[in-house]
Amino acid sequence: MLSIYRAACAAVALVWAQSLAAEPALNDIAARTELRAFESLTLTDQQFLSGDKNGKTVTLAGELRFPRGASGRLPAVILVHGSGGAGSREELWAKYFNEMGIATFVIDSFSGRGLVDVNPDQARLGRFNMVLDTYRAYDVLAAHARIDPSRIAAMGFSRGGQAVLDASFIRFQRLWHPGIAFVAYIPLYASCSIAIIDDTDVSPVPIRQFHGAADNYVPVAPCRPYYERLRAAGKDAVLTEFPDANHVFDNPLAPNPPAALKGAQSVRGCKLKEEPLGIIINVETGQPFTYQDPCVQIDPLTGYNEAASVATRAAVKELLRTVFKRE
């Protein structure tokens, strides 16, 4: 069985590599693409956590892709990028979902805010802004004549993965989007390093997180007890870990072998929590956290992992087949 699994992984990796090098295949071409603008707010973390809506209005955009050969109202996945902005990883996932007959909406949380890459300076954008962006993107899809509003899922990566995970919090939904109804939340290598008040009161739909055990940018260790608490609270939440997988393990264009992302900031050495309501503190100092704190480290590793990537795609495909009620 192991040899068969390895052979399957190698075959899928070869297909992906060939698709990157060869002429575009018909399956890589969307039947239709639309660039959709939508309004959001730029907020401090304190504003978001306290429900203060007096942020700066910003116009963002996303790319909506429709699969070939599909008709009727379609299921859709919102894709939320990480600290480096939208790129090859989001495009590859969008094409993968399109081949399944699923529409995709890749949102760009950076360009409208004048940002390109916040890896070396995470303080340039409050951590929770992308939660609100995800909610606003949901509204774009729910109002679209070609999208089935009862079949919309959210998937995010790293900073975007944390946004997707946090978007499941009932407290945040009540503050920012009462009645929102994603059918699944799929965070990849999302941070669980901030203990948020009421963080086990989440949506009753599936939450499926995928993470590399070797990740030293966003370590998986804090996620283990968090997901245990979610399950103890009766939530449909599963954390899947992959041995030897690093950050960005699902992107074939990531370094292989893994390499340091020079200058990128990581809170892997920090213990953070919300206390009091609306304030994120550094537990060691008892003071409000900033990216100038000594616990912040730099130069984490990123790298592609073939086995983890193949397994994640298979698991996500099966999840969406179930929640979208597809044969």
C-alpha atoms as a PDB file:
ATOM      1  CA  MET A   1       0.000   0.000   0.000  1.00  0.00           C
ATOM      2  CA  LEU A   2       2.825   2.406   0.835  1.00  0.00           C
ATOM      3  CA  SER A   3       4.438   1.916  -2.575  1.00  0.00           C
ATOM      4  CA  ILE A   4       1.087   2.529  -4.283  1.00  0.00           C
ATOM      5  CA  TYR A   5       0.602   5.714  -2.257  1.00  0.00           C
ATOM      6  CA  ARG A   6       4.083   6.948  -3.150  1.00  0.00           C
ATOM      7  CA  ALA A   7       3.494   6.174  -6.801  1.00  0.00           C
ATOM      8  CA  ALA A   8       0.223   8.092  -6.721  1.00  0.00           C
ATOM      9  CA  CYS A   9       1.912  11.071  -5.101  1.00  0.00           C
ATOM     10  CA  ALA A  10       4.656  11.020  -7.717  1.00  0.00           C
ATOM     11  CA  ALA A  11       2.135  10.830 -10.542  1.00  0.00           C
ATOM     12  CA  VAL A  12       0.124  13.790  -9.264  1.00  0.00           C
ATOM     13  CA  ALA A  13       3.277  15.838  -8.680  1.00  0.00           C
ATOM     14  CA  LEU A  14       4.475  15.060 -12.213  1.00  0.00           C
ATOM     15  CA  VAL A  15       1.156  16.192 -13.688  1.00  0.00           C
ATOM     16  CA  TRP A  16       1.298  19.456 -11.747  1.00  0.00           C
ATOM     17  CA  ALA A  17       4.914  20.044 -12.766  1.00  0.00           C
ATOM     18  CA  GLN A  18       4.136  19.367 -16.413  1.00  0.00           C
ATOM     19  CA  SER A  19       1.127  21.692 -16.299  1.00  0.00           C
ATOM     20  CA  LEU A  20       3.384  24.481 -15.072  1.00  0.00           C
ATOM     21  CA  ALA A  21       5.925  23.958 -17.855  1.00  0.00           C
ATOM     22  CA  ALA A  22       3.700  23.038 -20.816  1.00  0.00           C
ATOM     23  CA  GLU A  23       1.271  25.034 -22.906  1.00  0.00           C
ATOM     24  CA  PRO A  24      -1.989  25.791 -21.066  1.00  0.00           C
ATOM     25  CA  ALA A  25      -4.436  22.899 -21.195  1.00  0.00           C
ATOM     26  CA  LEU A  26      -8.143  23.406 -21.770  1.00  0.00           C
ATOM     27  CA  ASN A  27      -8.837  22.327 -18.186  1.00  0.00           C
ATOM     28  CA  ASP A  28      -6.643  25.206 -16.998  1.00  0.00           C
ATOM     29  CA  ILE A  29      -8.844  27.777 -18.716  1.00  0.00           C
ATOM     30  CA  ALA A  30     -11.886  29.118 -16.900  1.00  0.00           C
ATOM     31  CA  ALA A  31     -15.144  29.330 -18.821  1.00  0.00           C
ATOM     32  CA  ARG A  32     -15.487  32.894 -17.557  1.00  0.00           C
ATOM     33  CA  THR A  33     -13.656  35.209 -15.187  1.00  0.00           C
ATOM     34  CA  GLU A  34     -15.021  38.301 -13.490  1.00  0.00           C
ATOM     35  CA  LEU A  35     -13.165  40.901 -11.444  1.00  0.00           C
ATOM     36  CA  ARG A  36     -15.517  41.900  -8.668  1.00  0.00           C
ATOM     37  CA  ALA A  37     -14.955  44.979  -6.486  1.00  0.00           C
ATOM     38  CA  PHE A  38     -16.353  45.156  -2.971  1.00  0.00           C
ATOM     39  CA  GLU A  39     -16.065  47.433   0.029  1.00  0.00           C
ATOM     40  CA  SER A  40     -14.454  46.525   3.320  1.00  0.00           C
ATOM     41  CA  LEU A  41     -12.899  48.409   6.233  1.00  0.00           C
ATOM     42  CA  THR A  42      -9.319  48.779   7.404  1.00  0.00           C
ATOM     43  CA  LEU A  43      -9.361  48.342  11.173  1.00  0.00           C
ATOM     44  CA  THR A  44      -7.017  47.971  14.090  1.00  0.00           C
ATOM     45  CA  ASP A  45      -7.244  44.645  15.881  1.00  0.00           C
ATOM     46  CA  GLN A  46      -8.853  46.426  18.835  1.00  0.00           C
ATOM     47  CA  GLN A  47     -11.514  47.939  16.581  1.00  0.00           C
ATOM     48  CA  PHE A  48     -12.367  44.580  15.056  1.00  0.00           C
ATOM     49  CA  LEU A  49     -12.456  42.719  18.359  1.00  0.00           C
ATOM     50  CA  SER A  50     -14.657  45.357  20.000  1.00  0.00           C
ATOM     51  CA  GLY A  51     -17.014  45.768  17.033  1.00  0.00           C
ATOM     52  CA  ASP A  52     -15.943  49.374  16.358  1.00  0.00           C
ATOM     53  CA  LYS A  53     -16.996  50.033  12.753  1.00  0.00           C
ATOM     54  CA  ASN A  54     -15.278  53.416  12.480  1.00  0.00           C
ATOM     55  CA  GLY A  55     -12.511  52.111  10.263  1.00  0.00           C
ATOM     56  CA  LYS A  56     -11.312  53.428   6.921  1.00  0.00           C
ATOM     57  CA  THR A  57     -13.462  52.329   3.989  1.00  0.00           C
ATOM     58  CA  VAL A  58     -11.453  50.522   1.337  1.00  0.00           C
ATOM     59  CA  THR A  59     -12.343  49.064  -2.057  1.00  0.00           C
ATOM     60  CA  LEU A  60     -10.975  45.568  -2.586  1.00  0.00           C
ATOM     61  CA  ALA A  61     -11.399  43.137  -5.459  1.00  0.00           C
ATOM     62  CA  GLY A  62     -11.396  39.461  -6.227  1.00  0.00           C
ATOM     63  CA  GLU A  63     -11.220  37.186  -9.243  1.00  0.00           C
ATOM     64  CA  LEU A  64     -14.307  35.050  -9.743  1.00  0.00           C
ATOM     65  CA  ARG A  65     -13.679  32.015 -11.967  1.00  0.00           C
ATOM     66  CA  PHE A  66     -16.366  29.780 -13.421  1.00  0.00           C
ATOM     67  CA  PRO A  67     -15.591  26.178 -14.400  1.00  0.00           C
ATOM     68  CA  ARG A  68     -15.957  24.877 -17.922  1.00  0.00           C
ATOM     69  CA  GLY A  69     -19.033  22.856 -18.764  1.00  0.00           C
ATOM     70  CA  ALA A  70     -20.950  23.874 -15.631  1.00  0.00           C
ATOM     71  CA  SER A  71     -24.513  25.145 -15.655  1.00  0.00           C
ATOM     72  CA  GLY A  72     -27.062  26.314 -13.151  1.00  0.00           C
ATOM     73  CA  ARG A  73     -26.205  27.864  -9.797  1.00  0.00           C
ATOM     74  CA  LEU A  74     -22.792  26.665  -8.718  1.00  0.00           C
ATOM     75  CA  PRO A  75     -21.063  25.944  -5.410  1.00  0.00           C
ATOM     76  CA  ALA A  76     -18.121  28.224  -4.700  1.00  0.00           C
ATOM     77  CA  VAL A  77     -14.999  28.472  -2.579  1.00  0.00           C
ATOM     78  CA  ILE A  78     -13.578  31.783  -1.374  1.00  0.00           C
ATOM     79  CA  LEU A  79      -9.756  31.647  -1.310  1.00  0.00           C
ATOM     80  CA  VAL A  80      -7.984  33.918   1.198  1.00  0.00           C
ATOM     81  CA  HIS A  81      -4.276  34.538   0.639  1.00  0.00           C
ATOM     82  CA  GLY A  82      -1.477  34.783   3.163  1.00  0.00           C
ATOM     83  CA  SER A  83       1.089  37.414   4.090  1.00  0.00           C
ATOM     84  CA  GLY A  84       2.697  37.392   0.639  1.00  0.00           C
ATOM     85  CA  GLY A  85      -0.527  38.249  -1.190  1.00  0.00           C
ATOM     86  CA  ALA A  86      -2.411  36.249  -3.808  1.00  0.00           C
ATOM     87  CA  GLY A  87      -0.208  34.204  -6.130  1.00  0.00           C
ATOM     88  CA  SER A  88       0.575  30.791  -7.547  1.00  0.00           C
ATOM     89  CA  ARG A  89      -0.845  28.816  -4.605  1.00  0.00           C
ATOM     90  CA  GLU A  90      -4.265  30.445  -4.885  1.00  0.00           C
ATOM     91  CA  GLU A  91      -4.252  30.082  -8.680  1.00  0.00           C
ATOM     92  CA  LEU A  92      -3.443  26.373  -8.456  1.00  0.00           C
ATOM     93  CA  TRP A  93      -6.225  25.755  -5.940  1.00  0.00           C
ATOM     94  CA  ALA A  94      -8.660  27.781  -8.051  1.00  0.00           C
ATOM     95  CA  LYS A  95      -7.880  25.632 -11.094  1.00  0.00           C
ATOM     96  CA  TYR A  96      -8.185  22.462  -9.034  1.00  0.00           C
ATOM     97  CA  PHE A  97     -11.644  23.460  -7.813  1.00  0.00           C
ATOM     98  CA  ASN A  98     -12.706  24.607 -11.285  1.00  0.00           C
ATOM     99  CA  GLU A  99     -11.853  21.149 -12.607  1.00  0.00           C
ATOM    100  CA  MET A 100     -14.262  19.802  -9.978  1.00  0.00           C
ATOM    101  CA  GLY A 101     -17.035  22.023 -11.318  1.00  0.00           C
ATOM    102  CA  ILE A 102     -16.736  24.527  -8.444  1.00  0.00           C
ATOM    103  CA  ALA A 103     -16.508  28.304  -8.881  1.00  0.00           C
ATOM    104  CA  THR A 104     -13.764  30.163  -7.009  1.00  0.00           C
ATOM    105  CA  PHE A 105     -13.329  33.697  -5.714  1.00  0.00           C
ATOM    106  CA  VAL A 106      -9.713  34.651  -4.967  1.00  0.00           C
ATOM    107  CA  ILE A 107      -9.843  37.846  -2.931  1.00  0.00           C
ATOM    108  CA  ASP A 108      -7.037  40.401  -2.834  1.00  0.00           C
ATOM    109  CA  SER A 109      -6.877  41.997   0.608  1.00  0.00           C
ATOM    110  CA  PHE A 110      -3.676  43.911  -0.140  1.00  0.00           C
ATOM    111  CA  SER A 111      -3.732  45.925  -3.375  1.00  0.00           C
ATOM    112  CA  GLY A 112      -6.635  48.162  -2.393  1.00  0.00           C
ATOM    113  CA  ARG A 113      -4.789  48.948   0.831  1.00  0.00           C
ATOM    114  CA  GLY A 114      -1.515  49.760  -0.953  1.00  0.00           C
ATOM    115  CA  LEU A 115       0.173  46.585   0.275  1.00  0.00           C
ATOM    116  CA  VAL A 116       2.156  43.898  -1.529  1.00  0.00           C
ATOM    117  CA  ASP A 117       3.812  41.730   1.132  1.00  0.00           C
ATOM    118  CA  VAL A 118       3.533  41.992   4.922  1.00  0.00           C
ATOM    119  CA  ASN A 119       5.846  39.077   5.753  1.00  0.00           C
ATOM    120  CA  PRO A 120       8.663  41.400   6.919  1.00  0.00           C
ATOM    121  CA  ASP A 121       6.300  43.809   8.720  1.00  0.00           C
ATOM    122  CA  GLN A 122       3.131  42.136   9.937  1.00  0.00           C
ATOM    123  CA  ALA A 123       2.049  45.303  11.756  1.00  0.00           C
ATOM    124  CA  ARG A 124       1.193  46.942   8.413  1.00  0.00           C
ATOM    125  CA  LEU A 125      -2.245  45.301   8.531  1.00  0.00           C
ATOM    126  CA  GLY A 126      -4.240  44.299  11.572  1.00  0.00           C
ATOM    127  CA  ARG A 127      -4.550  40.542  11.826  1.00  0.00           C
ATOM    128  CA  PHE A 128      -8.360  40.494  11.813  1.00  0.00           C
ATOM    129  CA  ASN A 129      -9.030  42.693   8.771  1.00  0.00           C
ATOM    130  CA  MET A 130      -9.100  39.658   6.528  1.00  0.00           C
ATOM    131  CA  VAL A 131     -11.919  38.114   8.575  1.00  0.00           C
ATOM    132  CA  LEU A 132     -14.109  41.056   7.588  1.00  0.00           C
ATOM    133  CA  ASP A 133     -12.849  40.810   3.984  1.00  0.00           C
ATOM    134  CA  THR A 134     -13.956  37.166   3.947  1.00  0.00           C
ATOM    135  CA  TYR A 135     -17.427  38.106   5.189  1.00  0.00           C
ATOM    136  CA  ARG A 136     -17.738  40.825   2.545  1.00  0.00           C
ATOM    137  CA  ALA A 137     -16.579  38.407  -0.177  1.00  0.00           C
ATOM    138  CA  TYR A 138     -19.341  36.043   0.925  1.00  0.00           C
ATOM    139  CA  ASP A 139     -21.867  38.779   0.182  1.00  0.00           C
ATOM    140  CA  VAL A 140     -20.462  39.193  -3.344  1.00  0.00           C
ATOM    141  CA  LEU A 141     -21.015  35.509  -4.063  1.00  0.00           C
ATOM    142  CA  ALA A 142     -24.353  35.183  -2.282  1.00  0.00           C
ATOM    143  CA  ALA A 143     -25.767  37.975  -4.483  1.00  0.00           C
ATOM    144  CA  HIS A 144     -24.426  36.530  -7.758  1.00  0.00           C
ATOM    145  CA  ALA A 145     -26.989  34.958 -10.089  1.00  0.00           C
ATOM    146  CA  ARG A 146     -24.639  32.074 -10.972  1.00  0.00           C
ATOM    147  CA  ILE A 147     -23.721  31.128  -7.384  1.00  0.00           C
ATOM    148  CA  ASP A 148     -25.741  28.986  -4.998  1.00  0.00           C
ATOM    149  CA  PRO A 149     -25.697  30.960  -1.702  1.00  0.00           C
ATOM    150  CA  SER A 150     -26.362  27.772   0.266  1.00  0.00           C
ATOM    151  CA  ARG A 151     -23.111  26.206  -1.009  1.00  0.00           C
ATOM    152  CA  ILE A 152     -20.250  28.597  -0.247  1.00  0.00           C
ATOM    153  CA  ALA A 153     -17.105  27.500   1.606  1.00  0.00           C
ATOM    154  CA  ALA A 154     -14.066  29.468   2.780  1.00  0.00           C
ATOM    155  CA  MET A 155     -10.451  28.332   2.481  1.00  0.00           C
ATOM    156  CA  GLY A 156      -7.367  30.291   3.537  1.00  0.00           C
ATOM    157  CA  PHE A 157      -3.622  29.992   3.833  1.00  0.00           C
ATOM    158  CA  SER A 158      -1.395  31.114   6.739  1.00  0.00           C
ATOM    159  CA  ARG A 159      -2.608  34.647   7.632  1.00  0.00           C
ATOM    160  CA  GLY A 160      -5.588  33.925   5.385  1.00  0.00           C
ATOM    161  CA  GLY A 161      -6.005  30.569   7.100  1.00  0.00           C
ATOM    162  CA  GLN A 162      -6.255  32.303  10.445  1.00  0.00           C
ATOM    163  CA  ALA A 163      -8.840  34.660   8.930  1.00  0.00           C
ATOM    164  CA  VAL A 164     -10.907  31.701   7.737  1.00  0.00           C
ATOM    165  CA  LEU A 165     -10.628  29.942  11.100  1.00  0.00           C
ATOM    166  CA  ASP A 166     -11.586  33.120  12.958  1.00  0.00           C
ATOM    167  CA  ALA A 167     -14.468  33.730  10.527  1.00  0.00           C
ATOM    168  CA  SER A 168     -16.117  30.669  12.086  1.00  0.00           C
ATOM    169  CA  PHE A 169     -16.347  32.380  15.509  1.00  0.00           C
ATOM    170  CA  ILE A 170     -19.961  33.095  16.438  1.00  0.00           C
ATOM    171  CA  ARG A 171     -18.883  36.198  18.345  1.00  0.00           C
ATOM    172  CA  PHE A 172     -17.311  37.717  15.231  1.00  0.00           C
ATOM    173  CA  GLN A 173     -20.303  36.783  13.106  1.00  0.00           C
ATOM    174  CA  ARG A 174     -22.646  38.526  15.516  1.00  0.00           C
ATOM    175  CA  LEU A 175     -20.473  41.645  15.473  1.00  0.00           C
ATOM    176  CA  TRP A 176     -19.796  41.815  11.753  1.00  0.00           C
ATOM    177  CA  HIS A 177     -22.152  39.569   9.766  1.00  0.00           C
ATOM    178  CA  PRO A 178     -25.149  38.057  11.576  1.00  0.00           C
ATOM    179  CA  GLY A 179     -26.619  35.183   9.619  1.00  0.00           C
ATOM    180  CA  ILE A 180     -23.581  34.355   7.499  1.00  0.00           C
ATOM    181  CA  ALA A 181     -23.730  30.711   6.414  1.00  0.00           C
ATOM    182  CA  PHE A 182     -20.538  29.160   5.110  1.00  0.00           C
ATOM    183  CA  VAL A 183     -20.910  25.386   4.743  1.00  0.00           C
ATOM    184  CA  ALA A 184     -17.265  24.670   5.667  1.00  0.00           C
ATOM    185  CA  TYR A 185     -14.111  26.399   6.872  1.00  0.00           C
ATOM    186  CA  ILE A 186     -10.784  25.108   5.543  1.00  0.00           C
ATOM    187  CA  PRO A 187      -7.740  26.794   7.104  1.00  0.00           C
ATOM    188  CA  LEU A 188      -4.258  25.697   5.998  1.00  0.00           C
ATOM    189  CA  TYR A 189      -1.377  26.230   8.449  1.00  0.00           C
ATOM    190  CA  ALA A 190      -3.417  28.799  10.373  1.00  0.00           C
ATOM    191  CA  SER A 191      -2.124  30.309  13.585  1.00  0.00           C
ATOM    192  CA  CYS A 192      -3.711  29.216  16.862  1.00  0.00           C
ATOM    193  CA  SER A 193      -1.279  31.312  18.896  1.00  0.00           C
ATOM    194  CA  ILE A 194      -3.813  33.907  20.078  1.00  0.00           C
ATOM    195  CA  ALA A 195      -6.278  32.738  22.717  1.00  0.00           C
ATOM    196  CA  ILE A 196      -9.408  34.663  21.772  1.00  0.00           C
ATOM    197  CA  ILE A 197     -12.320  35.078  24.177  1.00  0.00           C
ATOM    198  CA  ASP A 198     -15.133  32.605  23.311  1.00  0.00           C
ATOM    199  CA  ASP A 199     -12.946  30.865  20.707  1.00  0.00           C
ATOM    200  CA  THR A 200     -14.749  27.530  21.082  1.00  0.00           C
ATOM    201  CA  ASP A 201     -18.134  29.010  20.180  1.00  0.00           C
ATOM    202  CA  VAL A 202     -17.851  28.380  16.449  1.00  0.00           C
ATOM    203  CA  SER A 203     -20.167  27.551  13.557  1.00  0.00           C
ATOM    204  CA  PRO A 204     -21.653  24.032  13.663  1.00  0.00           C
ATOM    205  CA  VAL A 205     -20.352  23.197  10.161  1.00  0.00           C
ATOM    206  CA  PRO A 206     -17.088  21.331   9.421  1.00  0.00           C
ATOM    207  CA  ILE A 207     -13.788  23.029  10.227  1.00  0.00           C
ATOM    208  CA  ARG A 208     -10.845  21.185   8.676  1.00  0.00           C
ATOM    209  CA  GLN A 209      -7.331  22.479   9.312  1.00  0.00           C
ATOM    210  CA  PHE A 210      -4.255  21.068   7.552  1.00  0.00           C
ATOM    211  CA  HIS A 211      -0.819  21.763   8.991  1.00  0.00           C
ATOM    212  CA  GLY A 212       2.792  20.651   8.727  1.00  0.00           C
ATOM    213  CA  ALA A 213       4.348  19.207  11.866  1.00  0.00           C
ATOM    214  CA  ALA A 214       7.694  20.750  10.871  1.00  0.00           C
ATOM    215  CA  ASP A 215       6.237  24.259  10.387  1.00  0.00           C
ATOM    216  CA  ASN A 216       8.358  26.802  12.261  1.00  0.00           C
ATOM    217  CA  TYR A 217       6.679  29.879  10.772  1.00  0.00           C
ATOM    218  CA  VAL A 218       3.275  29.053  12.264  1.00  0.00           C
ATOM    219  CA  PRO A 219       3.877  26.061  14.560  1.00  0.00           C
ATOM    220  CA  VAL A 220       1.110  23.527  14.899  1.00  0.00           C
ATOM    221  CA  ALA A 221       1.677  22.955  18.638  1.00  0.00           C
ATOM    222  CA  PRO A 222      -0.850  25.580  19.885  1.00  0.00           C
ATOM    223  CA  CYS A 223      -3.482  24.146  17.542  1.00  0.00           C
ATOM    224  CA  ARG A 224      -3.452  20.712  19.167  1.00  0.00           C
ATOM    225  CA  PRO A 225      -4.991  21.744  22.516  1.00  0.00           C
ATOM    226  CA  TYR A 226      -7.269  24.221  20.757  1.00  0.00           C
ATOM    227  CA  TYR A 227      -8.791  21.544  18.526  1.00  0.00           C
ATOM    228  CA  GLU A 228      -9.128  19.269  21.544  1.00  0.00           C
ATOM    229  CA  ARG A 229     -11.152  22.014  23.225  1.00  0.00           C
ATOM    230  CA  LEU A 230     -13.296  22.407  20.096  1.00  0.00           C
ATOM    231  CA  ARG A 231     -14.059  18.698  20.022  1.00  0.00           C
ATOM    232  CA  ALA A 232     -14.799  18.702  23.757  1.00  0.00           C
ATOM    233  CA  ALA A 233     -17.308  21.462  23.038  1.00  0.00           C
ATOM    234  CA  GLY A 234     -18.998  19.191  20.494  1.00  0.00           C
ATOM    235  CA  LYS A 235     -17.752  20.995  17.377  1.00  0.00           C
ATOM    236  CA  ASP A 236     -17.082  19.327  14.015  1.00  0.00           C
ATOM    237  CA  ALA A 237     -13.432  20.377  13.960  1.00  0.00           C
ATOM    238  CA  VAL A 238     -10.466  18.295  12.806  1.00  0.00           C
ATOM    239  CA  LEU A 239      -6.760  19.125  12.726  1.00  0.00           C
ATOM    240  CA  THR A 240      -4.692  17.045  10.295  1.00  0.00           C
ATOM    241  CA  GLU A 241      -0.902  17.103  10.651  1.00  0.00           C
ATOM    242  CA  PHE A 242       1.690  15.953   8.142  1.00  0.00           C
ATOM    243  CA  PRO A 243       5.161  14.849   9.303  1.00  0.00           C
ATOM    244  CA  ASP A 244       8.128  16.681   7.788  1.00  0.00           C
ATOM    245  CA  ALA A 245       5.872  19.271   6.140  1.00  0.00           C
ATOM    246  CA  ASN A 246       6.806  22.939   6.438  1.00  0.00           C
ATOM    247  CA  HIS A 247       4.914  26.166   5.896  1.00  0.00           C
ATOM    248  CA  VAL A 248       3.364  26.549   2.401  1.00  0.00           C
ATOM    249  CA  PHE A 249       3.654  22.771   1.927  1.00  0.00           C
ATOM    250  CA  ASP A 250       0.852  22.747  -0.672  1.00  0.00           C
ATOM    251  CA  ASN A 251       2.524  25.054  -3.228  1.00  0.00           C
ATOM    252  CA  PRO A 252       4.701  23.221  -5.812  1.00  0.00           C
ATOM    253  CA  LEU A 253       6.470  26.522  -6.518  1.00  0.00           C
ATOM    254  CA  ALA A 254       7.647  26.826  -2.901  1.00  0.00           C
ATOM    255  CA  PRO A 255      11.292  25.906  -2.183  1.00  0.00           C
ATOM    256  CA  ASN A 256      12.162  22.222  -2.224  1.00  0.00           C
ATOM    257  CA  PRO A 257      14.096  21.519  -0.055  1.00  0.00           C
ATOM    258  CA  PRO A 258      12.704  24.122   2.370  1.00  0.00           C
ATOM    259  CA  ALA A 259      14.495  27.455   2.654  1.00  0.00           C
ATOM    260  CA  ALA A 260      14.372  30.428   4.994  1.00  0.00           C
ATOM    261  CA  LEU A 261      12.018  33.274   4.111  1.00  0.00           C
ATOM    262  CA  LYS A 262      14.486  36.005   4.972  1.00  0.00           C
ATOM    263  CA  GLY A 263      13.188  38.786   7.184  1.00  0.00           C
ATOM    264  CA  ALA A 264       9.712  37.318   7.613  1.00  0.00           C
ATOM    265  CA  GLN A 265       8.282  37.846  11.099  1.00  0.00           C
ATOM    266  CA  SER A 266       6.954  34.915  13.098  1.00  0.00           C
ATOM    267  CA  VAL A 267       5.235  34.892  16.505  1.00  0.00           C
ATOM    268  CA  ARG A 268       6.267  31.274  17.079  1.00  0.00           C
ATOM    269  CA  GLY A 269       8.005  32.308  20.296  1.00  0.00           C
ATOM    270  CA  CYS A 270       5.075  34.355  21.614  1.00  0.00           C
ATOM    271  CA  LYS A 271       2.192  33.406  23.865  1.00  0.00           C
ATOM    272  CA  LEU A 272      -0.713  35.753  23.203  1.00  0.00           C
ATOM    273  CA  LYS A 273      -4.249  36.128  24.433  1.00  0.00           C
ATOM    274  CA  GLU A 274      -7.136  38.557  24.356  1.00  0.00           C
ATOM    275  CA  GLU A 275      -7.389  40.155  27.787  1.00  0.00           C
ATOM    276  CA  PRO A 276      -9.337  42.257  28.468  1.00  0.00           C
ATOM    277  CA  LEU A 277     -11.932  42.173  25.703  1.00  0.00           C
ATOM    278  CA  GLY A 278     -10.488  43.740  22.557  1.00  0.00           C
ATOM    279  CA  ILE A 279      -6.831  43.832  23.642  1.00  0.00           C
ATOM    280  CA  ILE A 280      -4.205  41.265  22.569  1.00  0.00           C
ATOM    281  CA  ILE A 281      -1.535  40.972  25.254  1.00  0.00           C
ATOM    282  CA  ASN A 282       1.817  39.250  25.464  1.00  0.00           C
ATOM    283  CA  VAL A 283       1.273  36.783  28.296  1.00  0.00           C
ATOM    284  CA  GLU A 284       4.925  36.954  29.376  1.00  0.00           C
ATOM    285  CA  THR A 285       4.914  40.734  29.840  1.00  0.00           C
ATOM    286  CA  GLY A 286       1.236  41.335  30.547  1.00  0.00           C
ATOM    287  CA  GLN A 287       1.428  44.263  28.117  1.00  0.00           C
ATOM    288  CA  PRO A 288      -0.335  44.824  24.778  1.00  0.00           C
ATOM    289  CA  PHE A 289       1.486  42.844  22.103  1.00  0.00           C
ATOM    290  CA  THR A 290       3.461  44.565  19.352  1.00  0.00           C
ATOM    291  CA  TYR A 291       5.726  43.183  16.629  1.00  0.00           C
ATOM    292  CA  GLN A 292       8.603  44.884  18.432  1.00  0.00           C
ATOM    293  CA  ASP A 293       8.315  42.387  21.306  1.00  0.00           C
ATOM    294  CA  PRO A 294      11.429  40.205  21.841  1.00  0.00           C
ATOM    295  CA  CYS A 295       9.391  37.036  21.303  1.00  0.00           C
ATOM    296  CA  VAL A 296       8.968  37.869  17.591  1.00  0.00           C
ATOM    297  CA  GLN A 297      11.454  35.876  15.486  1.00  0.00           C
ATOM    298  CA  ILE A 298      12.467  36.028  11.831  1.00  0.00           C
ATOM    299  CA  ASP A 299      13.639  33.819   8.936  1.00  0.00           C
ATOM    300  CA  PRO A 300      11.144  30.924   9.196  1.00  0.00           C
ATOM    301  CA  LEU A 301      11.280  28.070   6.706  1.00  0.00           C
ATOM    302  CA  THR A 302       8.870  27.535   3.818  1.00  0.00           C
ATOM    303  CA  GLY A 303       8.822  24.557   1.468  1.00  0.00           C
ATOM    304  CA  TYR A 304       6.760  22.239  -0.702  1.00  0.00           C
ATOM    305  CA  ASN A 305       5.917  18.737   0.502  1.00  0.00           C
ATOM    306  CA  GLU A 306       4.533  16.425  -2.146  1.00  0.00           C
ATOM    307  CA  ALA A 307       2.891  13.838   0.112  1.00  0.00           C
ATOM    308  CA  ALA A 308       1.199  16.454   2.306  1.00  0.00           C
ATOM    309  CA  SER A 309       0.011  18.379  -0.739  1.00  0.00           C
ATOM    310  CA  VAL A 310      -1.537  15.317  -2.408  1.00  0.00           C
ATOM    311  CA  ALA A 311      -3.217  14.184   0.825  1.00  0.00           C
ATOM    312  CA  THR A 312      -4.643  17.662   1.477  1.00  0.00           C
ATOM    313  CA  ARG A 313      -6.122  17.967  -1.994  1.00  0.00           C
ATOM    314  CA  ALA A 314      -7.752  14.546  -1.660  1.00  0.00           C
ATOM    315  CA  ALA A 315      -9.201  15.358   1.766  1.00  0.00           C
ATOM    316  CA  VAL A 316     -10.512  18.758   0.668  1.00  0.00           C
ATOM    317  CA  LYS A 317     -12.071  17.242  -2.442  1.00  0.00           C
ATOM    318  CA  GLU A 318     -13.931  14.682  -0.335  1.00  0.00           C
ATOM    319  CA  LEU A 319     -15.057  17.338   2.155  1.00  0.00           C
ATOM    320  CA  LEU A 320     -16.457  19.565  -0.602  1.00  0.00           C
ATOM    321  CA  ARG A 321     -18.139  16.601  -2.268  1.00  0.00           C
ATOM    322  CA  THR A 322     -19.985  16.075   1.017  1.00  0.00           C
ATOM    323  CA  VAL A 323     -20.868  19.642   2.020  1.00  0.00           C
ATOM    324  CA  PHE A 324     -21.765  20.672  -1.533  1.00  0.00           C
ATOM    325  CA  LYS A 325     -23.834  17.486  -1.920  1.00  0.00           C
ATOM    326  CA  ARG A 326     -22.070  16.478  -5.120  1.00  0.00           C
ATOM    327  CA  GLU A 327     -21.953  12.950  -6.504  1.00  0.00           C
END
